[in-house]
């Protein structure tokens, strides 16, 4: 089964950028639908972006035009480039791998947008 480890979170000012990375081990990400989710305090976890085995990408309306998800099957990593960050993007960001009934989560990385 696949294990996931996120990195790249931090504190940035509004309008800034961050790049999150998700390193997978134990299985190839090319076998999974990969996604980034986030959970803000007091809110439910929500999908930010996903990419299918065939490369079809889906974004939450709130991040379209600002965030870009990509996968590198050779390196077994998935990334989320986040530009034009807003305070409402503040959350713990989680990497997810899904195939059928199986799903795996990383431990999460904190992203804080504040001046």
PDB file of N, CA and C in Angstrom:
ATOM      1  N   UNK A   1       0.835  -1.176   0.000  1.00  0.00           N
ATOM      2  CA  UNK A   1       0.000   0.000   0.000  1.00  0.00           C
ATOM      3  C   UNK A   1       0.882   1.243   0.000  1.00  0.00           C
ATOM      4  N   UNK A   2       0.341   2.327  -0.470  1.00  0.00           N
ATOM      5  CA  UNK A   2       1.120   3.539  -0.627  1.00  0.00           C
ATOM      6  C   UNK A   2       1.126   4.351   0.664  1.00  0.00           C
ATOM      7  N   UNK A   3       2.295   4.886   1.015  1.00  0.00           N
ATOM      8  CA  UNK A   3       2.438   5.812   2.131  1.00  0.00           C
ATOM      9  C   UNK A   3       2.810   7.177   1.561  1.00  0.00           C
ATOM     10  N   UNK A   4       2.283   8.222   2.202  1.00  0.00           N
ATOM     11  CA  UNK A   4       2.441   9.572   1.668  1.00  0.00           C
ATOM     12  C   UNK A   4       3.024  10.507   2.716  1.00  0.00           C
ATOM     13  N   UNK A   5       3.948  11.361   2.293  1.00  0.00           N
ATOM     14  CA  UNK A   5       4.554  12.352   3.184  1.00  0.00           C
ATOM     15  C   UNK A   5       4.559  13.700   2.482  1.00  0.00           C
ATOM     16  N   UNK A   6       3.889  14.680   3.110  1.00  0.00           N
ATOM     17  CA  UNK A   6       3.836  16.030   2.540  1.00  0.00           C
ATOM     18  C   UNK A   6       4.963  16.896   3.070  1.00  0.00           C
ATOM     19  N   UNK A   7       5.317  17.894   2.284  1.00  0.00           N
ATOM     20  CA  UNK A   7       6.300  18.890   2.712  1.00  0.00           C
ATOM     21  C   UNK A   7       6.031  20.182   1.963  1.00  0.00           C
ATOM     22  N   UNK A   8       6.632  21.267   2.459  1.00  0.00           N
ATOM     23  CA  UNK A   8       6.551  22.539   1.741  1.00  0.00           C
ATOM     24  C   UNK A   8       5.635  23.576   2.338  1.00  0.00           C
ATOM     25  N   UNK A   9       4.937  23.235   3.420  1.00  0.00           N
ATOM     26  CA  UNK A   9       4.067  24.215   4.037  1.00  0.00           C
ATOM     27  C   UNK A   9       4.854  25.313   4.729  1.00  0.00           C
ATOM     28  N   UNK A  10       4.139  26.334   5.192  1.00  0.00           N
ATOM     29  CA  UNK A  10       4.798  27.416   5.898  1.00  0.00           C
ATOM     30  C   UNK A  10       3.910  28.636   6.025  1.00  0.00           C
ATOM     31  N   UNK A  11       4.540  29.729   6.413  1.00  0.00           N
ATOM     32  CA  UNK A  11       3.856  31.006   6.603  1.00  0.00           C
ATOM     33  C   UNK A  11       4.272  31.951   5.479  1.00  0.00           C
ATOM     34  N   UNK A  12       3.296  32.460   4.756  1.00  0.00           N
ATOM     35  CA  UNK A  12       3.582  33.426   3.696  1.00  0.00           C
ATOM     36  C   UNK A  12       2.589  34.571   3.762  1.00  0.00           C
ATOM     37  N   UNK A  13       2.970  35.688   3.175  1.00  0.00           N
ATOM     38  CA  UNK A  13       2.086  36.843   3.133  1.00  0.00           C
ATOM     39  C   UNK A  13       1.051  36.689   2.025  1.00  0.00           C
ATOM     40  N   UNK A  14      -0.064  37.377   2.157  1.00  0.00           N
ATOM     41  CA  UNK A  14      -1.064  37.354   1.069  1.00  0.00           C
ATOM     42  C   UNK A  14      -0.429  37.749  -0.255  1.00  0.00           C
ATOM     43  N   UNK A  15      -0.818  37.018  -1.294  1.00  0.00           N
ATOM     44  CA  UNK A  15      -0.250  37.242  -2.611  1.00  0.00           C
ATOM     45  C   UNK A  15       0.978  36.405  -2.893  1.00  0.00           C
ATOM     46  N   UNK A  16       1.496  35.755  -1.893  1.00  0.00           N
ATOM     47  CA  UNK A  16       2.702  34.957  -2.054  1.00  0.00           C
ATOM     48  C   UNK A  16       2.434  33.590  -2.648  1.00  0.00           C
ATOM     49  N   UNK A  17       3.501  32.804  -2.724  1.00  0.00           N
ATOM     50  CA  UNK A  17       3.420  31.480  -3.337  1.00  0.00           C
ATOM     51  C   UNK A  17       4.060  30.435  -2.439  1.00  0.00           C
ATOM     52  N   UNK A  18       3.580  29.221  -2.582  1.00  0.00           N
ATOM     53  CA  UNK A  18       4.170  28.053  -1.939  1.00  0.00           C
ATOM     54  C   UNK A  18       4.033  26.880  -2.880  1.00  0.00           C
ATOM     55  N   UNK A  19       4.954  25.943  -2.734  1.00  0.00           N
ATOM     56  CA  UNK A  19       4.864  24.705  -3.499  1.00  0.00           C
ATOM     57  C   UNK A  19       4.885  23.542  -2.524  1.00  0.00           C
ATOM     58  N   UNK A  20       3.807  22.783  -2.502  1.00  0.00           N
ATOM     59  CA  UNK A  20       3.710  21.600  -1.667  1.00  0.00           C
ATOM     60  C   UNK A  20       4.119  20.380  -2.469  1.00  0.00           C
ATOM     61  N   UNK A  21       4.796  19.461  -1.789  1.00  0.00           N
ATOM     62  CA  UNK A  21       5.183  18.208  -2.423  1.00  0.00           C
ATOM     63  C   UNK A  21       4.680  17.041  -1.605  1.00  0.00           C
ATOM     64  N   UNK A  22       4.380  15.970  -2.284  1.00  0.00           N
ATOM     65  CA  UNK A  22       3.915  14.739  -1.649  1.00  0.00           C
ATOM     66  C   UNK A  22       4.763  13.593  -2.201  1.00  0.00           C
ATOM     67  N   UNK A  23       5.558  13.007  -1.325  1.00  0.00           N
ATOM     68  CA  UNK A  23       6.404  11.883  -1.718  1.00  0.00           C
ATOM     69  C   UNK A  23       5.723  10.583  -1.342  1.00  0.00           C
ATOM     70  N   UNK A  24       5.617   9.690  -2.308  1.00  0.00           N
ATOM     71  CA  UNK A  24       4.951   8.417  -2.093  1.00  0.00           C
ATOM     72  C   UNK A  24       5.975   7.289  -2.023  1.00  0.00           C
ATOM     73  N   UNK A  25       5.655   6.291  -1.208  1.00  0.00           N
ATOM     74  CA  UNK A  25       6.487   5.093  -1.120  1.00  0.00           C
ATOM     75  C   UNK A  25       5.593   3.882  -0.947  1.00  0.00           C
ATOM     76  N   UNK A  26       6.135   2.732  -1.273  1.00  0.00           N
ATOM     77  CA  UNK A  26       5.390   1.494  -1.123  1.00  0.00           C
ATOM     78  C   UNK A  26       4.605   1.077  -2.341  1.00  0.00           C
ATOM     79  N   UNK A  27       4.316   2.029  -3.210  1.00  0.00           N
ATOM     80  CA  UNK A  27       3.566   1.734  -4.426  1.00  0.00           C
ATOM     81  C   UNK A  27       3.705   2.923  -5.374  1.00  0.00           C
ATOM     82  N   UNK A  28       3.468   2.682  -6.622  1.00  0.00           N
ATOM     83  CA  UNK A  28       3.605   3.747  -7.618  1.00  0.00           C
ATOM     84  C   UNK A  28       2.348   4.612  -7.670  1.00  0.00           C
ATOM     85  N   UNK A  29       2.539   5.929  -7.697  1.00  0.00           N
ATOM     86  CA  UNK A  29       1.382   6.833  -7.746  1.00  0.00           C
ATOM     87  C   UNK A  29       0.649   6.719  -9.075  1.00  0.00           C
ATOM     88  N   UNK A  30       1.292   6.150 -10.062  1.00  0.00           N
ATOM     89  CA  UNK A  30       0.637   5.994 -11.358  1.00  0.00           C
ATOM     90  C   UNK A  30      -0.553   5.038 -11.269  1.00  0.00           C
ATOM     91  N   UNK A  31      -0.669   4.324 -10.158  1.00  0.00           N
ATOM     92  CA  UNK A  31      -1.786   3.406  -9.947  1.00  0.00           C
ATOM     93  C   UNK A  31      -2.967   4.043  -9.228  1.00  0.00           C
ATOM     94  N   UNK A  32      -2.857   5.338  -8.886  1.00  0.00           N
ATOM     95  CA  UNK A  32      -3.850   5.977  -8.036  1.00  0.00           C
ATOM     96  C   UNK A  32      -4.340   7.300  -8.617  1.00  0.00           C
ATOM     97  N   UNK A  33      -5.547   7.655  -8.214  1.00  0.00           N
ATOM     98  CA  UNK A  33      -5.995   9.033  -8.354  1.00  0.00           C
ATOM     99  C   UNK A  33      -5.354   9.793  -7.197  1.00  0.00           C
ATOM    100  N   UNK A  34      -4.617  10.845  -7.522  1.00  0.00           N
ATOM    101  CA  UNK A  34      -3.927  11.612  -6.488  1.00  0.00           C
ATOM    102  C   UNK A  34      -4.634  12.946  -6.274  1.00  0.00           C
ATOM    103  N   UNK A  35      -4.694  13.368  -5.034  1.00  0.00           N
ATOM    104  CA  UNK A  35      -5.380  14.615  -4.744  1.00  0.00           C
ATOM    105  C   UNK A  35      -4.760  15.365  -3.590  1.00  0.00           C
ATOM    106  N   UNK A  36      -5.057  16.646  -3.554  1.00  0.00           N
ATOM    107  CA  UNK A  36      -4.725  17.506  -2.411  1.00  0.00           C
ATOM    108  C   UNK A  36      -6.026  17.985  -1.797  1.00  0.00           C
ATOM    109  N   UNK A  37      -6.115  17.841  -0.484  1.00  0.00           N
ATOM    110  CA  UNK A  37      -7.259  18.305   0.282  1.00  0.00           C
ATOM    111  C   UNK A  37      -6.755  19.297   1.318  1.00  0.00           C
ATOM    112  N   UNK A  38      -7.679  20.052   1.896  1.00  0.00           N
ATOM    113  CA  UNK A  38      -7.300  20.944   2.983  1.00  0.00           C
ATOM    114  C   UNK A  38      -8.415  21.001   4.014  1.00  0.00           C
ATOM    115  N   UNK A  39      -8.004  21.306   5.229  1.00  0.00           N
ATOM    116  CA  UNK A  39      -8.962  21.433   6.320  1.00  0.00           C
ATOM    117  C   UNK A  39      -8.581  22.629   7.175  1.00  0.00           C
ATOM    118  N   UNK A  40      -9.468  23.604   7.190  1.00  0.00           N
ATOM    119  CA  UNK A  40      -9.289  24.787   8.020  1.00  0.00           C
ATOM    120  C   UNK A  40      -9.936  24.542   9.380  1.00  0.00           C
ATOM    121  N   UNK A  41      -9.511  25.264  10.405  1.00  0.00           N
ATOM    122  CA  UNK A  41     -10.088  25.067  11.737  1.00  0.00           C
ATOM    123  C   UNK A  41     -11.605  25.243  11.726  1.00  0.00           C
ATOM    124  N   UNK A  42     -12.296  24.272  12.292  1.00  0.00           N
ATOM    125  CA  UNK A  42     -13.744  24.339  12.381  1.00  0.00           C
ATOM    126  C   UNK A  42     -14.487  24.019  11.109  1.00  0.00           C
ATOM    127  N   UNK A  43     -13.755  23.622  10.083  1.00  0.00           N
ATOM    128  CA  UNK A  43     -14.387  23.315   8.796  1.00  0.00           C
ATOM    129  C   UNK A  43     -14.105  21.875   8.386  1.00  0.00           C
ATOM    130  N   UNK A  44     -14.919  21.385   7.458  1.00  0.00           N
ATOM    131  CA  UNK A  44     -14.719  20.032   6.936  1.00  0.00           C
ATOM    132  C   UNK A  44     -13.549  20.013   5.952  1.00  0.00           C
ATOM    133  N   UNK A  45     -12.957  18.851   5.828  1.00  0.00           N
ATOM    134  CA  UNK A  45     -11.899  18.675   4.840  1.00  0.00           C
ATOM    135  C   UNK A  45     -12.518  18.793   3.447  1.00  0.00           C
ATOM    136  N   UNK A  46     -11.831  19.517   2.565  1.00  0.00           N
ATOM    137  CA  UNK A  46     -12.368  19.733   1.231  1.00  0.00           C
ATOM    138  C   UNK A  46     -11.316  19.440   0.174  1.00  0.00           C
ATOM    139  N   UNK A  47     -11.807  19.013  -0.991  1.00  0.00           N
ATOM    140  CA  UNK A  47     -10.906  18.750  -2.105  1.00  0.00           C
ATOM    141  C   UNK A  47     -10.404  20.068  -2.680  1.00  0.00           C
ATOM    142  N   UNK A  48      -9.096  20.143  -2.891  1.00  0.00           N
ATOM    143  CA  UNK A  48      -8.481  21.299  -3.526  1.00  0.00           C
ATOM    144  C   UNK A  48      -8.222  21.016  -5.003  1.00  0.00           C
ATOM    145  N   UNK A  49      -7.599  19.879  -5.277  1.00  0.00           N
ATOM    146  CA  UNK A  49      -7.272  19.520  -6.657  1.00  0.00           C
ATOM    147  C   UNK A  49      -7.017  18.026  -6.726  1.00  0.00           C
ATOM    148  N   UNK A  50      -7.300  17.455  -7.884  1.00  0.00           N
ATOM    149  CA  UNK A  50      -7.040  16.034  -8.078  1.00  0.00           C
ATOM    150  C   UNK A  50      -6.575  15.793  -9.502  1.00  0.00           C
ATOM    151  N   UNK A  51      -5.881  14.667  -9.679  1.00  0.00           N
ATOM    152  CA  UNK A  51      -5.400  14.291 -10.998  1.00  0.00           C
ATOM    153  C   UNK A  51      -5.553  12.783 -11.146  1.00  0.00           C
ATOM    154  N   UNK A  52      -6.194  12.370 -12.218  1.00  0.00           N
ATOM    155  CA  UNK A  52      -6.485  10.954 -12.415  1.00  0.00           C
ATOM    156  C   UNK A  52      -5.297  10.232 -13.048  1.00  0.00           C
ATOM    157  N   UNK A  53      -5.435   8.924 -13.179  1.00  0.00           N
ATOM    158  CA  UNK A  53      -4.388   8.120 -13.805  1.00  0.00           C
ATOM    159  C   UNK A  53      -4.127   8.606 -15.237  1.00  0.00           C
ATOM    160  N   UNK A  54      -5.184   9.051 -15.902  1.00  0.00           N
ATOM    161  CA  UNK A  54      -5.055   9.509 -17.274  1.00  0.00           C
ATOM    162  C   UNK A  54      -4.645  10.957 -17.407  1.00  0.00           C
ATOM    163  N   UNK A  55      -4.513  11.647 -16.261  1.00  0.00           N
ATOM    164  CA  UNK A  55      -4.066  13.037 -16.297  1.00  0.00           C
ATOM    165  C   UNK A  55      -5.174  14.071 -16.267  1.00  0.00           C
ATOM    166  N   UNK A  56      -6.426  13.620 -16.112  1.00  0.00           N
ATOM    167  CA  UNK A  56      -7.517  14.586 -15.996  1.00  0.00           C
ATOM    168  C   UNK A  56      -7.430  15.306 -14.657  1.00  0.00           C
ATOM    169  N   UNK A  57      -7.508  16.625 -14.704  1.00  0.00           N
ATOM    170  CA  UNK A  57      -7.332  17.449 -13.507  1.00  0.00           C
ATOM    171  C   UNK A  57      -8.632  18.146 -13.137  1.00  0.00           C
ATOM    172  N   UNK A  58      -8.864  18.226 -11.855  1.00  0.00           N
ATOM    173  CA  UNK A  58     -10.046  18.900 -11.324  1.00  0.00           C
ATOM    174  C   UNK A  58      -9.606  19.824 -10.198  1.00  0.00           C
ATOM    175  N   UNK A  59     -10.155  21.046 -10.194  1.00  0.00           N
ATOM    176  CA  UNK A  59      -9.847  22.021  -9.155  1.00  0.00           C
ATOM    177  C   UNK A  59     -11.119  22.490  -8.464  1.00  0.00           C
ATOM    178  N   UNK A  60     -10.999  22.811  -7.192  1.00  0.00           N
ATOM    179  CA  UNK A  60     -12.071  23.513  -6.508  1.00  0.00           C
ATOM    180  C   UNK A  60     -12.204  24.895  -7.132  1.00  0.00           C
ATOM    181  N   UNK A  61     -13.414  25.399  -7.196  1.00  0.00           N
ATOM    182  CA  UNK A  61     -13.640  26.715  -7.805  1.00  0.00           C
ATOM    183  C   UNK A  61     -12.818  27.797  -7.116  1.00  0.00           C
ATOM    184  N   UNK A  62     -12.615  27.646  -5.823  1.00  0.00           N
ATOM    185  CA  UNK A  62     -11.931  28.676  -5.047  1.00  0.00           C
ATOM    186  C   UNK A  62     -10.450  28.802  -5.381  1.00  0.00           C
ATOM    187  N   UNK A  63      -9.870  27.801  -6.055  1.00  0.00           N
ATOM    188  CA  UNK A  63      -8.435  27.838  -6.345  1.00  0.00           C
ATOM    189  C   UNK A  63      -8.133  27.853  -7.837  1.00  0.00           C
ATOM    190  N   UNK A  64      -9.148  27.763  -8.668  1.00  0.00           N
ATOM    191  CA  UNK A  64      -8.922  27.753 -10.113  1.00  0.00           C
ATOM    192  C   UNK A  64      -8.181  29.016 -10.555  1.00  0.00           C
ATOM    193  N   UNK A  65      -7.173  28.803 -11.388  1.00  0.00           N
ATOM    194  CA  UNK A  65      -6.379  29.926 -11.873  1.00  0.00           C
ATOM    195  C   UNK A  65      -5.242  30.315 -10.948  1.00  0.00           C
ATOM    196  N   UNK A  66      -5.221  29.782  -9.750  1.00  0.00           N
ATOM    197  CA  UNK A  66      -4.165  30.116  -8.787  1.00  0.00           C
ATOM    198  C   UNK A  66      -3.304  28.904  -8.425  1.00  0.00           C
ATOM    199  N   UNK A  67      -3.909  27.740  -8.359  1.00  0.00           N
ATOM    200  CA  UNK A  67      -3.206  26.521  -7.959  1.00  0.00           C
ATOM    201  C   UNK A  67      -3.018  25.609  -9.160  1.00  0.00           C
ATOM    202  N   UNK A  68      -1.925  24.859  -9.146  1.00  0.00           N
ATOM    203  CA  UNK A  68      -1.650  23.887 -10.199  1.00  0.00           C
ATOM    204  C   UNK A  68      -1.168  22.591  -9.582  1.00  0.00           C
ATOM    205  N   UNK A  69      -1.860  21.505  -9.900  1.00  0.00           N
ATOM    206  CA  UNK A  69      -1.446  20.184  -9.436  1.00  0.00           C
ATOM    207  C   UNK A  69      -0.666  19.499 -10.557  1.00  0.00           C
ATOM    208  N   UNK A  70       0.346  18.742 -10.166  1.00  0.00           N
ATOM    209  CA  UNK A  70       1.113  17.999 -11.157  1.00  0.00           C
ATOM    210  C   UNK A  70       1.624  16.717 -10.517  1.00  0.00           C
ATOM    211  N   UNK A  71       1.893  15.737 -11.355  1.00  0.00           N
ATOM    212  CA  UNK A  71       2.429  14.479 -10.852  1.00  0.00           C
ATOM    213  C   UNK A  71       3.662  14.114 -11.655  1.00  0.00           C
ATOM    214  N   UNK A  72       4.649  13.560 -10.975  1.00  0.00           N
ATOM    215  CA  UNK A  72       5.867  13.083 -11.616  1.00  0.00           C
ATOM    216  C   UNK A  72       5.965  11.601 -11.300  1.00  0.00           C
ATOM    217  N   UNK A  73       5.514  10.792 -12.236  1.00  0.00           N
ATOM    218  CA  UNK A  73       5.485   9.348 -11.988  1.00  0.00           C
ATOM    219  C   UNK A  73       6.894   8.771 -11.815  1.00  0.00           C
ATOM    220  N   UNK A  74       7.866   9.357 -12.486  1.00  0.00           N
ATOM    221  CA  UNK A  74       9.234   8.862 -12.370  1.00  0.00           C
ATOM    222  C   UNK A  74       9.786   9.069 -10.962  1.00  0.00           C
ATOM    223  N   UNK A  75       9.457  10.219 -10.371  1.00  0.00           N
ATOM    224  CA  UNK A  75       9.924  10.522  -9.015  1.00  0.00           C
ATOM    225  C   UNK A  75       8.942  10.060  -7.949  1.00  0.00           C
ATOM    226  N   UNK A  76       7.769   9.601  -8.407  1.00  0.00           N
ATOM    227  CA  UNK A  76       6.718   9.153  -7.485  1.00  0.00           C
ATOM    228  C   UNK A  76       6.280  10.269  -6.534  1.00  0.00           C
ATOM    229  N   UNK A  77       6.094  11.446  -7.103  1.00  0.00           N
ATOM    230  CA  UNK A  77       5.685  12.602  -6.314  1.00  0.00           C
ATOM    231  C   UNK A  77       4.520  13.333  -6.970  1.00  0.00           C
ATOM    232  N   UNK A  78       3.776  14.028  -6.138  1.00  0.00           N
ATOM    233  CA  UNK A  78       2.709  14.913  -6.595  1.00  0.00           C
ATOM    234  C   UNK A  78       2.950  16.271  -5.961  1.00  0.00           C
ATOM    235  N   UNK A  79       2.760  17.311  -6.727  1.00  0.00           N
ATOM    236  CA  UNK A  79       3.013  18.658  -6.230  1.00  0.00           C
ATOM    237  C   UNK A  79       1.787  19.540  -6.390  1.00  0.00           C
ATOM    238  N   UNK A  80       1.752  20.586  -5.576  1.00  0.00           N
ATOM    239  CA  UNK A  80       0.699  21.584  -5.678  1.00  0.00           C
ATOM    240  C   UNK A  80       1.371  22.952  -5.628  1.00  0.00           C
ATOM    241  N   UNK A  81       1.388  23.630  -6.763  1.00  0.00           N
ATOM    242  CA  UNK A  81       1.927  24.974  -6.836  1.00  0.00           C
ATOM    243  C   UNK A  81       0.801  25.938  -6.515  1.00  0.00           C
ATOM    244  N   UNK A  82       1.027  26.770  -5.506  1.00  0.00           N
ATOM    245  CA  UNK A  82      -0.016  27.680  -5.045  1.00  0.00           C
ATOM    246  C   UNK A  82       0.480  29.117  -5.205  1.00  0.00           C
ATOM    247  N   UNK A  83      -0.200  29.870  -6.035  1.00  0.00           N
ATOM    248  CA  UNK A  83       0.135  31.272  -6.275  1.00  0.00           C
ATOM    249  C   UNK A  83      -1.025  32.161  -5.855  1.00  0.00           C
ATOM    250  N   UNK A  84      -0.749  33.428  -5.668  1.00  0.00           N
ATOM    251  CA  UNK A  84      -1.817  34.351  -5.297  1.00  0.00           C
ATOM    252  C   UNK A  84      -2.531  33.947  -4.029  1.00  0.00           C
ATOM    253  N   UNK A  85      -1.768  33.526  -3.033  1.00  0.00           N
ATOM    254  CA  UNK A  85      -2.376  32.978  -1.815  1.00  0.00           C
ATOM    255  C   UNK A  85      -3.160  34.029  -1.047  1.00  0.00           C
ATOM    256  N   UNK A  86      -4.261  33.572  -0.469  1.00  0.00           N
ATOM    257  CA  UNK A  86      -5.176  34.427   0.276  1.00  0.00           C
ATOM    258  C   UNK A  86      -5.277  33.927   1.716  1.00  0.00           C
ATOM    259  N   UNK A  87      -5.661  34.785   2.641  1.00  0.00           N
ATOM    260  CA  UNK A  87      -5.829  34.320   4.027  1.00  0.00           C
ATOM    261  C   UNK A  87      -6.787  33.132   4.136  1.00  0.00           C
ATOM    262  N   UNK A  88      -7.793  33.084   3.287  1.00  0.00           N
ATOM    263  CA  UNK A  88      -8.744  31.976   3.339  1.00  0.00           C
ATOM    264  C   UNK A  88      -8.167  30.660   2.838  1.00  0.00           C
ATOM    265  N   UNK A  89      -6.956  30.675   2.320  1.00  0.00           N
ATOM    266  CA  UNK A  89      -6.274  29.436   1.941  1.00  0.00           C
ATOM    267  C   UNK A  89      -5.582  28.779   3.140  1.00  0.00           C
ATOM    268  N   UNK A  90      -5.584  29.468   4.276  1.00  0.00           N
ATOM    269  CA  UNK A  90      -4.962  28.936   5.482  1.00  0.00           C
ATOM    270  C   UNK A  90      -5.656  27.633   5.902  1.00  0.00           C
ATOM    271  N   UNK A  91      -4.861  26.582   6.045  1.00  0.00           N
ATOM    272  CA  UNK A  91      -5.407  25.263   6.381  1.00  0.00           C
ATOM    273  C   UNK A  91      -4.260  24.275   6.507  1.00  0.00           C
ATOM    274  N   UNK A  92      -4.594  23.092   6.986  1.00  0.00           N
ATOM    275  CA  UNK A  92      -3.680  21.954   6.882  1.00  0.00           C
ATOM    276  C   UNK A  92      -3.981  21.270   5.547  1.00  0.00           C
ATOM    277  N   UNK A  93      -2.956  21.067   4.758  1.00  0.00           N
ATOM    278  CA  UNK A  93      -3.102  20.467   3.444  1.00  0.00           C
ATOM    279  C   UNK A  93      -2.656  19.006   3.493  1.00  0.00           C
ATOM    280  N   UNK A  94      -3.502  18.138   2.928  1.00  0.00           N
ATOM    281  CA  UNK A  94      -3.255  16.707   2.964  1.00  0.00           C
ATOM    282  C   UNK A  94      -3.141  16.145   1.546  1.00  0.00           C
ATOM    283  N   UNK A  95      -2.212  15.239   1.377  1.00  0.00           N
ATOM    284  CA  UNK A  95      -2.094  14.495   0.129  1.00  0.00           C
ATOM    285  C   UNK A  95      -2.919  13.215   0.261  1.00  0.00           C
ATOM    286  N   UNK A  96      -3.531  12.818  -0.846  1.00  0.00           N
ATOM    287  CA  UNK A  96      -4.402  11.632  -0.827  1.00  0.00           C
ATOM    288  C   UNK A  96      -4.158  10.788  -2.064  1.00  0.00           C
ATOM    289  N   UNK A  97      -4.173   9.471  -1.865  1.00  0.00           N
ATOM    290  CA  UNK A  97      -4.117   8.517  -2.964  1.00  0.00           C
ATOM    291  C   UNK A  97      -5.350   7.637  -2.881  1.00  0.00           C
ATOM    292  N   UNK A  98      -6.009   7.438  -3.999  1.00  0.00           N
ATOM    293  CA  UNK A  98      -7.275   6.692  -3.987  1.00  0.00           C
ATOM    294  C   UNK A  98      -7.348   5.747  -5.176  1.00  0.00           C
ATOM    295  N   UNK A  99      -7.812   4.526  -4.877  1.00  0.00           N
ATOM    296  CA  UNK A  99      -8.059   3.559  -5.941  1.00  0.00           C
ATOM    297  C   UNK A  99      -9.145   2.632  -5.461  1.00  0.00           C
ATOM    298  N   UNK A 100     -10.279   2.685  -6.101  1.00  0.00           N
ATOM    299  CA  UNK A 100     -11.416   1.885  -5.674  1.00  0.00           C
ATOM    300  C   UNK A 100     -11.807   2.251  -4.250  1.00  0.00           C
ATOM    301  N   UNK A 101     -11.907   1.251  -3.386  1.00  0.00           N
ATOM    302  CA  UNK A 101     -12.285   1.482  -1.990  1.00  0.00           C
ATOM    303  C   UNK A 101     -11.092   1.864  -1.125  1.00  0.00           C
ATOM    304  N   UNK A 102      -9.885   1.780  -1.686  1.00  0.00           N
ATOM    305  CA  UNK A 102      -8.686   2.074  -0.912  1.00  0.00           C
ATOM    306  C   UNK A 102      -8.374   3.559  -0.975  1.00  0.00           C
ATOM    307  N   UNK A 103      -7.980   4.110   0.194  1.00  0.00           N
ATOM    308  CA  UNK A 103      -7.531   5.492   0.231  1.00  0.00           C
ATOM    309  C   UNK A 103      -6.442   5.631   1.273  1.00  0.00           C
ATOM    310  N   UNK A 104      -5.470   6.469   0.989  1.00  0.00           N
ATOM    311  CA  UNK A 104      -4.363   6.704   1.905  1.00  0.00           C
ATOM    312  C   UNK A 104      -4.148   8.200   2.055  1.00  0.00           C
ATOM    313  N   UNK A 105      -3.842   8.618   3.287  1.00  0.00           N
ATOM    314  CA  UNK A 105      -3.616  10.028   3.584  1.00  0.00           C
ATOM    315  C   UNK A 105      -2.218  10.258   4.123  1.00  0.00           C
ATOM    316  N   UNK A 106      -1.662  11.407   3.818  1.00  0.00           N
ATOM    317  CA  UNK A 106      -0.451  11.844   4.471  1.00  0.00           C
ATOM    318  C   UNK A 106      -0.793  12.473   5.813  1.00  0.00           C
ATOM    319  N   UNK A 107       0.249  12.929   6.519  1.00  0.00           N
ATOM    320  CA  UNK A 107       0.042  13.478   7.852  1.00  0.00           C
ATOM    321  C   UNK A 107      -0.374  14.947   7.822  1.00  0.00           C
ATOM    322  N   UNK A 108      -0.223  15.582   6.668  1.00  0.00           N
ATOM    323  CA  UNK A 108      -0.634  16.969   6.526  1.00  0.00           C
ATOM    324  C   UNK A 108       0.508  17.947   6.718  1.00  0.00           C
ATOM    325  N   UNK A 109       0.380  19.110   6.089  1.00  0.00           N
ATOM    326  CA  UNK A 109       1.353  20.188   6.251  1.00  0.00           C
ATOM    327  C   UNK A 109       0.594  21.502   6.390  1.00  0.00           C
ATOM    328  N   UNK A 110       1.009  22.302   7.355  1.00  0.00           N
ATOM    329  CA  UNK A 110       0.297  23.543   7.661  1.00  0.00           C
ATOM    330  C   UNK A 110       0.681  24.645   6.675  1.00  0.00           C
ATOM    331  N   UNK A 111      -0.340  25.298   6.157  1.00  0.00           N
ATOM    332  CA  UNK A 111      -0.147  26.475   5.309  1.00  0.00           C
ATOM    333  C   UNK A 111      -0.878  27.638   5.969  1.00  0.00           C
ATOM    334  N   UNK A 112      -0.143  28.703   6.250  1.00  0.00           N
ATOM    335  CA  UNK A 112      -0.723  29.869   6.905  1.00  0.00           C
ATOM    336  C   UNK A 112      -0.442  31.106   6.067  1.00  0.00           C
ATOM    337  N   UNK A 113      -1.494  31.815   5.738  1.00  0.00           N
ATOM    338  CA  UNK A 113      -1.381  33.044   4.951  1.00  0.00           C
ATOM    339  C   UNK A 113      -1.744  34.219   5.848  1.00  0.00           C
ATOM    340  N   UNK A 114      -0.756  35.045   6.131  1.00  0.00           N
ATOM    341  CA  UNK A 114      -0.978  36.153   7.050  1.00  0.00           C
ATOM    342  C   UNK A 114       0.071  37.225   6.828  1.00  0.00           C
ATOM    343  N   UNK A 115      -0.337  38.473   7.034  1.00  0.00           N
ATOM    344  CA  UNK A 115       0.607  39.582   6.941  1.00  0.00           C
ATOM    345  C   UNK A 115       1.168  39.910   8.319  1.00  0.00           C
TER     346      UNK A 115
END
